[in-house]
Amino acid sequence: MRSILYFLFILFLEITCGVILAFLYWLLSSLLFDENGFGRSRINEVIYYMVILLPPFIYCWMEHSRFKREGLKNNSAIYLSAGIAYLVGSLVFMLIWTDFYLLGN
């Protein structure tokens, strides 16, 4: 039970970080560029996805590696599974939210 709560807490922190990064990216692009940000282009979508998806996943991967080196297999698996769950779940959510624009819709 404790491992599940720890997993959910890490996932909550990742989602919070992703939402904050999405807001900062939107704010920066709306202040520096036109009213639609960079405009609707595939390269903009790729940058948007990378800014939101990669930093929390990289953090989880680094913690996974650190715990693996220290020999704490349980914490290592929790961080790895939380990182993968965030990456896959957020990618699916973002594809649905942007109407699959990145995939050529």
Foldseek 3Di string as FASTA:
>chain_A
DVLVVVLVVLLVVLVVQLVVQLVVQQVVQCVPHPNRRVDDDLVVVVVNLCSRQPPSLVVLCVQLVVCVVVPNNSSNVSSNVSSVCNNVVVVVVVCVVVVVVNVPD
